PDB file of all heavy atoms in Angstrom:
ATOM      1  N   CYS A   1      50.279  22.566 -21.545  1.00  0.00           N
ATOM      2  CA  CYS A   1      51.042  22.757 -20.323  1.00  0.00           C
ATOM      3  C   CYS A   1      50.534  21.779 -19.256  1.00  0.00           C
ATOM      4  O   CYS A   1      49.490  21.163 -19.422  1.00  0.00           O
ATOM      5  CB  CYS A   1      51.002  24.175 -19.821  1.00  0.00           C
ATOM      6  SG  CYS A   1      49.442  24.602 -19.052  1.00  0.00           S
ATOM      7  N   HIS A   2      51.234  21.683 -18.178  1.00  0.00           N
ATOM      8  CA  HIS A   2      50.854  20.738 -17.100  1.00  0.00           C
ATOM      9  C   HIS A   2      50.135  21.433 -15.939  1.00  0.00           C
ATOM     10  O   HIS A   2      50.043  20.912 -14.866  1.00  0.00           O
ATOM     11  CB  HIS A   2      52.126  20.039 -16.563  1.00  0.00           C
ATOM     12  CG  HIS A   2      52.815  19.256 -17.619  1.00  0.00           C
ATOM     13  ND1 HIS A   2      52.302  18.082 -18.141  1.00  0.00           N
ATOM     14  CD2 HIS A   2      53.994  19.508 -18.296  1.00  0.00           C
ATOM     15  CE1 HIS A   2      53.144  17.625 -19.056  1.00  0.00           C
ATOM     16  NE2 HIS A   2      54.166  18.463 -19.192  1.00  0.00           N
ATOM     17  N   CYS A   3      49.644  22.684 -16.202  1.00  0.00           N
ATOM     18  CA  CYS A   3      48.908  23.406 -15.151  1.00  0.00           C
ATOM     19  C   CYS A   3      47.527  22.851 -14.986  1.00  0.00           C
ATOM     20  O   CYS A   3      46.962  22.242 -15.926  1.00  0.00           O
ATOM     21  CB  CYS A   3      48.845  24.890 -15.502  1.00  0.00           C
ATOM     22  SG  CYS A   3      50.441  25.652 -15.777  1.00  0.00           S
ATOM     23  N   GLU A   4      46.971  23.077 -13.842  1.00  0.00           N
ATOM     24  CA  GLU A   4      45.586  22.699 -13.620  1.00  0.00           C
ATOM     25  C   GLU A   4      44.685  23.648 -14.423  1.00  0.00           C
ATOM     26  O   GLU A   4      44.892  24.861 -14.429  1.00  0.00           O
ATOM     27  CB  GLU A   4      45.227  22.791 -12.131  1.00  0.00           C
ATOM     28  CG  GLU A   4      45.907  21.737 -11.284  1.00  0.00           C
ATOM     29  CD  GLU A   4      45.457  20.360 -11.612  1.00  0.00           C
ATOM     30  OE1 GLU A   4      44.250  20.192 -11.974  1.00  0.00           O
ATOM     31  OE2 GLU A   4      46.249  19.423 -11.528  1.00  0.00           O
ATOM     32  N   PRO A   5      43.650  23.129 -15.113  1.00  0.00           N
ATOM     33  CA  PRO A   5      42.758  24.020 -15.871  1.00  0.00           C
ATOM     34  C   PRO A   5      41.998  24.936 -14.939  1.00  0.00           C
ATOM     35  O   PRO A   5      41.700  24.617 -13.784  1.00  0.00           O
ATOM     36  CB  PRO A   5      41.811  23.033 -16.580  1.00  0.00           C
ATOM     37  CG  PRO A   5      41.878  21.757 -15.779  1.00  0.00           C
ATOM     38  CD  PRO A   5      43.272  21.718 -15.240  1.00  0.00           C
ATOM     39  N   VAL A   6      41.690  26.139 -15.455  1.00  0.00           N
ATOM     40  CA  VAL A   6      40.967  27.137 -14.711  1.00  0.00           C
ATOM     41  C   VAL A   6      39.487  27.086 -15.100  1.00  0.00           C
ATOM     42  O   VAL A   6      39.166  27.067 -16.294  1.00  0.00           O
ATOM     43  CB  VAL A   6      41.504  28.563 -14.972  1.00  0.00           C
ATOM     44  CG1 VAL A   6      40.741  29.596 -14.210  1.00  0.00           C
ATOM     45  CG2 VAL A   6      42.987  28.592 -14.580  1.00  0.00           C
ATOM     46  N   THR A   7      38.592  27.042 -14.147  1.00  0.00           N
ATOM     47  CA  THR A   7      37.151  27.042 -14.427  1.00  0.00           C
ATOM     48  C   THR A   7      36.572  28.373 -14.044  1.00  0.00           C
ATOM     49  O   THR A   7      37.193  29.214 -13.381  1.00  0.00           O
ATOM     50  CB  THR A   7      36.471  25.918 -13.623  1.00  0.00           C
ATOM     51  OG1 THR A   7      36.532  26.253 -12.233  1.00  0.00           O
ATOM     52  CG2 THR A   7      37.155  24.597 -13.869  1.00  0.00           C
ATOM     53  N   CYS A   8      35.294  28.580 -14.450  1.00  0.00           N
ATOM     54  CA  CYS A   8      34.619  29.829 -14.082  1.00  0.00           C
ATOM     55  C   CYS A   8      34.527  29.996 -12.581  1.00  0.00           C
ATOM     56  O   CYS A   8      34.546  31.110 -12.072  1.00  0.00           O
ATOM     57  CB  CYS A   8      33.193  29.825 -14.713  1.00  0.00           C
ATOM     58  SG  CYS A   8      33.190  30.134 -16.461  1.00  0.00           S
ATOM     59  N   GLN A   9      34.408  28.871 -11.869  1.00  0.00           N
ATOM     60  CA  GLN A   9      34.284  28.978 -10.416  1.00  0.00           C
ATOM     61  C   GLN A   9      35.567  29.481  -9.772  1.00  0.00           C
ATOM     62  O   GLN A   9      35.579  29.979  -8.662  1.00  0.00           O
ATOM     63  CB  GLN A   9      33.935  27.601  -9.817  1.00  0.00           C
ATOM     64  CG  GLN A   9      32.475  27.157 -10.100  1.00  0.00           C
ATOM     65  CD  GLN A   9      32.295  26.658 -11.542  1.00  0.00           C
ATOM     66  OE1 GLN A   9      33.282  26.369 -12.219  1.00  0.00           O
ATOM     67  NE2 GLN A   9      31.039  26.531 -11.964  1.00  0.00           N
ATOM     68  N   ASP A  10      36.715  29.334 -10.497  1.00  0.00           N
ATOM     69  CA  ASP A  10      37.972  29.785  -9.939  1.00  0.00           C
ATOM     70  C   ASP A  10      38.201  31.286 -10.140  1.00  0.00           C
ATOM     71  O   ASP A  10      39.109  31.852  -9.533  1.00  0.00           O
ATOM     72  CB  ASP A  10      39.143  29.061 -10.606  1.00  0.00           C
ATOM     73  CG  ASP A  10      39.075  27.553 -10.328  1.00  0.00           C
ATOM     74  OD1 ASP A  10      38.755  27.214  -9.189  1.00  0.00           O
ATOM     75  OD2 ASP A  10      39.319  26.795 -11.254  1.00  0.00           O
ATOM     76  N   ILE A  11      37.407  31.905 -10.976  1.00  0.00           N
ATOM     77  CA  ILE A  11      37.607  33.318 -11.298  1.00  0.00           C
ATOM     78  C   ILE A  11      36.780  34.148 -10.313  1.00  0.00           C
ATOM     79  O   ILE A  11      35.550  34.140 -10.344  1.00  0.00           O
ATOM     80  CB  ILE A  11      37.182  33.648 -12.749  1.00  0.00           C
ATOM     81  CG1 ILE A  11      37.972  32.742 -13.707  1.00  0.00           C
ATOM     82  CG2 ILE A  11      37.400  35.103 -13.049  1.00  0.00           C
ATOM     83  CD1 ILE A  11      37.490  32.832 -15.125  1.00  0.00           C
ATOM     84  N   VAL A  12      37.449  34.859  -9.422  1.00  0.00           N
ATOM     85  CA  VAL A  12      36.763  35.687  -8.443  1.00  0.00           C
ATOM     86  C   VAL A  12      36.878  37.155  -8.865  1.00  0.00           C
ATOM     87  O   VAL A  12      37.987  37.635  -9.019  1.00  0.00           O
ATOM     88  CB  VAL A  12      37.389  35.522  -7.041  1.00  0.00           C
ATOM     89  CG1 VAL A  12      36.673  36.401  -6.037  1.00  0.00           C
ATOM     90  CG2 VAL A  12      37.323  34.048  -6.629  1.00  0.00           C
ATOM     91  N   PRO A  13      35.761  37.811  -9.125  1.00  0.00           N
ATOM     92  CA  PRO A  13      35.865  39.204  -9.581  1.00  0.00           C
ATOM     93  C   PRO A  13      36.462  40.092  -8.508  1.00  0.00           C
ATOM     94  O   PRO A  13      36.254  39.924  -7.324  1.00  0.00           O
ATOM     95  CB  PRO A  13      34.371  39.595  -9.825  1.00  0.00           C
ATOM     96  CG  PRO A  13      33.589  38.640  -8.994  1.00  0.00           C
ATOM     97  CD  PRO A  13      34.372  37.375  -8.968  1.00  0.00           C
ATOM     98  N   THR A  14      37.318  40.998  -8.974  1.00  0.00           N
ATOM     99  CA  THR A  14      37.939  41.935  -8.041  1.00  0.00           C
ATOM    100  C   THR A  14      36.980  43.067  -7.720  1.00  0.00           C
ATOM    101  O   THR A  14      36.453  43.722  -8.604  1.00  0.00           O
ATOM    102  CB  THR A  14      39.210  42.521  -8.707  1.00  0.00           C
ATOM    103  OG1 THR A  14      40.078  41.468  -9.056  1.00  0.00           O
ATOM    104  CG2 THR A  14      39.902  43.488  -7.744  1.00  0.00           C
ATOM    105  N   PRO A  15      36.684  43.264  -6.416  1.00  0.00           N
ATOM    106  CA  PRO A  15      35.763  44.349  -6.067  1.00  0.00           C
ATOM    107  C   PRO A  15      36.356  45.696  -6.472  1.00  0.00           C
ATOM    108  O   PRO A  15      37.575  45.910  -6.410  1.00  0.00           O
ATOM    109  CB  PRO A  15      35.639  44.239  -4.536  1.00  0.00           C
ATOM    110  CG  PRO A  15      36.859  43.459  -4.118  1.00  0.00           C
ATOM    111  CD  PRO A  15      37.203  42.547  -5.225  1.00  0.00           C
ATOM    112  N   GLN A  16      35.470  46.577  -6.888  1.00  0.00           N
ATOM    113  CA  GLN A  16      35.930  47.883  -7.374  1.00  0.00           C
ATOM    114  C   GLN A  16      35.784  48.958  -6.293  1.00  0.00           C
ATOM    115  O   GLN A  16      34.797  48.991  -5.607  1.00  0.00           O
ATOM    116  CB  GLN A  16      35.125  48.299  -8.596  1.00  0.00           C
ATOM    117  CG  GLN A  16      35.496  47.525  -9.867  1.00  0.00           C
ATOM    118  CD  GLN A  16      34.925  48.188 -11.095  1.00  0.00           C
ATOM    119  OE1 GLN A  16      33.919  48.840 -11.060  1.00  0.00           O
ATOM    120  NE2 GLN A  16      35.600  47.986 -12.215  1.00  0.00           N
ATOM    121  N   ILE A  17      36.800  49.803  -6.190  1.00  0.00           N
ATOM    122  CA  ILE A  17      36.772  50.984  -5.353  1.00  0.00           C
ATOM    123  C   ILE A  17      37.032  52.157  -6.264  1.00  0.00           C
ATOM    124  O   ILE A  17      38.063  52.218  -6.928  1.00  0.00           O
ATOM    125  CB  ILE A  17      37.831  50.903  -4.221  1.00  0.00           C
ATOM    126  CG1 ILE A  17      37.576  49.677  -3.346  1.00  0.00           C
ATOM    127  CG2 ILE A  17      37.818  52.196  -3.397  1.00  0.00           C
ATOM    128  CD1 ILE A  17      38.672  49.441  -2.318  1.00  0.00           C
ATOM    129  N   ILE A  18      36.084  53.074  -6.350  1.00  0.00           N
ATOM    130  CA  ILE A  18      36.118  54.149  -7.348  1.00  0.00           C
ATOM    131  C   ILE A  18      36.326  55.483  -6.640  1.00  0.00           C
ATOM    132  O   ILE A  18      35.508  55.901  -5.800  1.00  0.00           O
ATOM    133  CB  ILE A  18      34.842  54.189  -8.178  1.00  0.00           C
ATOM    134  CG1 ILE A  18      34.612  52.827  -8.880  1.00  0.00           C
ATOM    135  CG2 ILE A  18      34.889  55.285  -9.226  1.00  0.00           C
ATOM    136  CD1 ILE A  18      33.323  52.713  -9.615  1.00  0.00           C
ATOM    137  N   LEU A  19      37.411  56.184  -6.992  1.00  0.00           N
ATOM    138  CA  LEU A  19      37.673  57.506  -6.469  1.00  0.00           C
ATOM    139  C   LEU A  19      37.265  58.565  -7.508  1.00  0.00           C
ATOM    140  O   LEU A  19      37.184  58.255  -8.693  1.00  0.00           O
ATOM    141  CB  LEU A  19      39.179  57.683  -6.156  1.00  0.00           C
ATOM    142  CG  LEU A  19      39.709  57.153  -4.829  1.00  0.00           C
ATOM    143  CD1 LEU A  19      39.588  55.654  -4.743  1.00  0.00           C
ATOM    144  CD2 LEU A  19      41.154  57.573  -4.625  1.00  0.00           C
ATOM    145  N   PRO A  20      36.966  59.804  -7.077  1.00  0.00           N
ATOM    146  CA  PRO A  20      36.710  60.882  -8.044  1.00  0.00           C
ATOM    147  C   PRO A  20      37.915  61.032  -8.974  1.00  0.00           C
ATOM    148  O   PRO A  20      39.083  61.008  -8.518  1.00  0.00           O
ATOM    149  CB  PRO A  20      36.522  62.102  -7.177  1.00  0.00           C
ATOM    150  CG  PRO A  20      36.146  61.570  -5.828  1.00  0.00           C
ATOM    151  CD  PRO A  20      36.888  60.268  -5.684  1.00  0.00           C
ATOM    152  N   MET A  21      37.655  61.175 -10.266  1.00  0.00           N
ATOM    153  CA  MET A  21      38.728  61.246 -11.238  1.00  0.00           C
ATOM    154  C   MET A  21      38.714  62.561 -11.997  1.00  0.00           C
ATOM    155  O   MET A  21      37.673  63.167 -12.215  1.00  0.00           O
ATOM    156  CB  MET A  21      38.613  60.079 -12.242  1.00  0.00           C
ATOM    157  CG  MET A  21      38.549  58.712 -11.588  1.00  0.00           C
ATOM    158  SD  MET A  21      40.032  58.258 -10.644  1.00  0.00           S
ATOM    159  CE  MET A  21      41.155  57.960 -12.003  1.00  0.00           C
ATOM    160  N   VAL A  22      39.917  63.005 -12.399  1.00  0.00           N
ATOM    161  CA  VAL A  22      40.059  64.155 -13.268  1.00  0.00           C
ATOM    162  C   VAL A  22      40.077  63.644 -14.706  1.00  0.00           C
ATOM    163  O   VAL A  22      40.978  62.886 -15.066  1.00  0.00           O
ATOM    164  CB  VAL A  22      41.348  64.930 -12.968  1.00  0.00           C
ATOM    165  CG1 VAL A  22      41.507  66.094 -13.926  1.00  0.00           C
ATOM    166  CG2 VAL A  22      41.361  65.423 -11.539  1.00  0.00           C
ATOM    167  N   PRO A  23      39.117  64.009 -15.532  1.00  0.00           N
ATOM    168  CA  PRO A  23      39.108  63.501 -16.914  1.00  0.00           C
ATOM    169  C   PRO A  23      40.309  63.994 -17.703  1.00  0.00           C
ATOM    170  O   PRO A  23      40.795  65.090 -17.498  1.00  0.00           O
ATOM    171  CB  PRO A  23      37.789  64.041 -17.480  1.00  0.00           C
ATOM    172  CG  PRO A  23      37.486  65.238 -16.638  1.00  0.00           C
ATOM    173  CD  PRO A  23      38.028  64.936 -15.263  1.00  0.00           C
ATOM    174  N   ALA A  24      40.751  63.154 -18.654  1.00  0.00           N
ATOM    175  CA  ALA A  24      41.897  63.527 -19.486  1.00  0.00           C
ATOM    176  C   ALA A  24      41.421  64.346 -20.673  1.00  0.00           C
ATOM    177  O   ALA A  24      41.242  63.851 -21.765  1.00  0.00           O
ATOM    178  CB  ALA A  24      42.619  62.251 -19.980  1.00  0.00           C
ATOM    179  N   VAL A  25      41.204  65.617 -20.415  1.00  0.00           N
ATOM    180  CA  VAL A  25      40.663  66.483 -21.464  1.00  0.00           C
ATOM    181  C   VAL A  25      41.771  67.134 -22.275  1.00  0.00           C
ATOM    182  O   VAL A  25      41.579  67.570 -23.395  1.00  0.00           O
ATOM    183  CB  VAL A  25      39.748  67.572 -20.853  1.00  0.00           C
ATOM    184  CG1 VAL A  25      38.501  66.953 -20.255  1.00  0.00           C
ATOM    185  CG2 VAL A  25      40.491  68.396 -19.805  1.00  0.00           C
ATOM    186  N   VAL A  26      42.965  67.265 -21.714  1.00  0.00           N
ATOM    187  CA  VAL A  26      44.070  67.892 -22.387  1.00  0.00           C
ATOM    188  C   VAL A  26      44.741  66.926 -23.348  1.00  0.00           C
ATOM    189  O   VAL A  26      44.973  67.236 -24.524  1.00  0.00           O
ATOM    190  CB  VAL A  26      45.095  68.457 -21.395  1.00  0.00           C
ATOM    191  CG1 VAL A  26      46.256  69.109 -22.141  1.00  0.00           C
ATOM    192  CG2 VAL A  26      44.441  69.484 -20.489  1.00  0.00           C
ATOM    193  N   ALA A  27      45.072  65.754 -22.852  1.00  0.00           N
ATOM    194  CA  ALA A  27      45.712  64.748 -23.701  1.00  0.00           C
ATOM    195  C   ALA A  27      44.917  63.442 -23.569  1.00  0.00           C
ATOM    196  O   ALA A  27      45.027  62.729 -22.582  1.00  0.00           O
ATOM    197  CB  ALA A  27      47.137  64.521 -23.229  1.00  0.00           C
TER     198      ALA A  27
END
């Protein structure tokens, strides 16, 4: 393809925001 190549420096990790979760114990 004619896209610009992606390097490791271009990959910015998405910061995580974690809420309390209800585990899927039923299904």
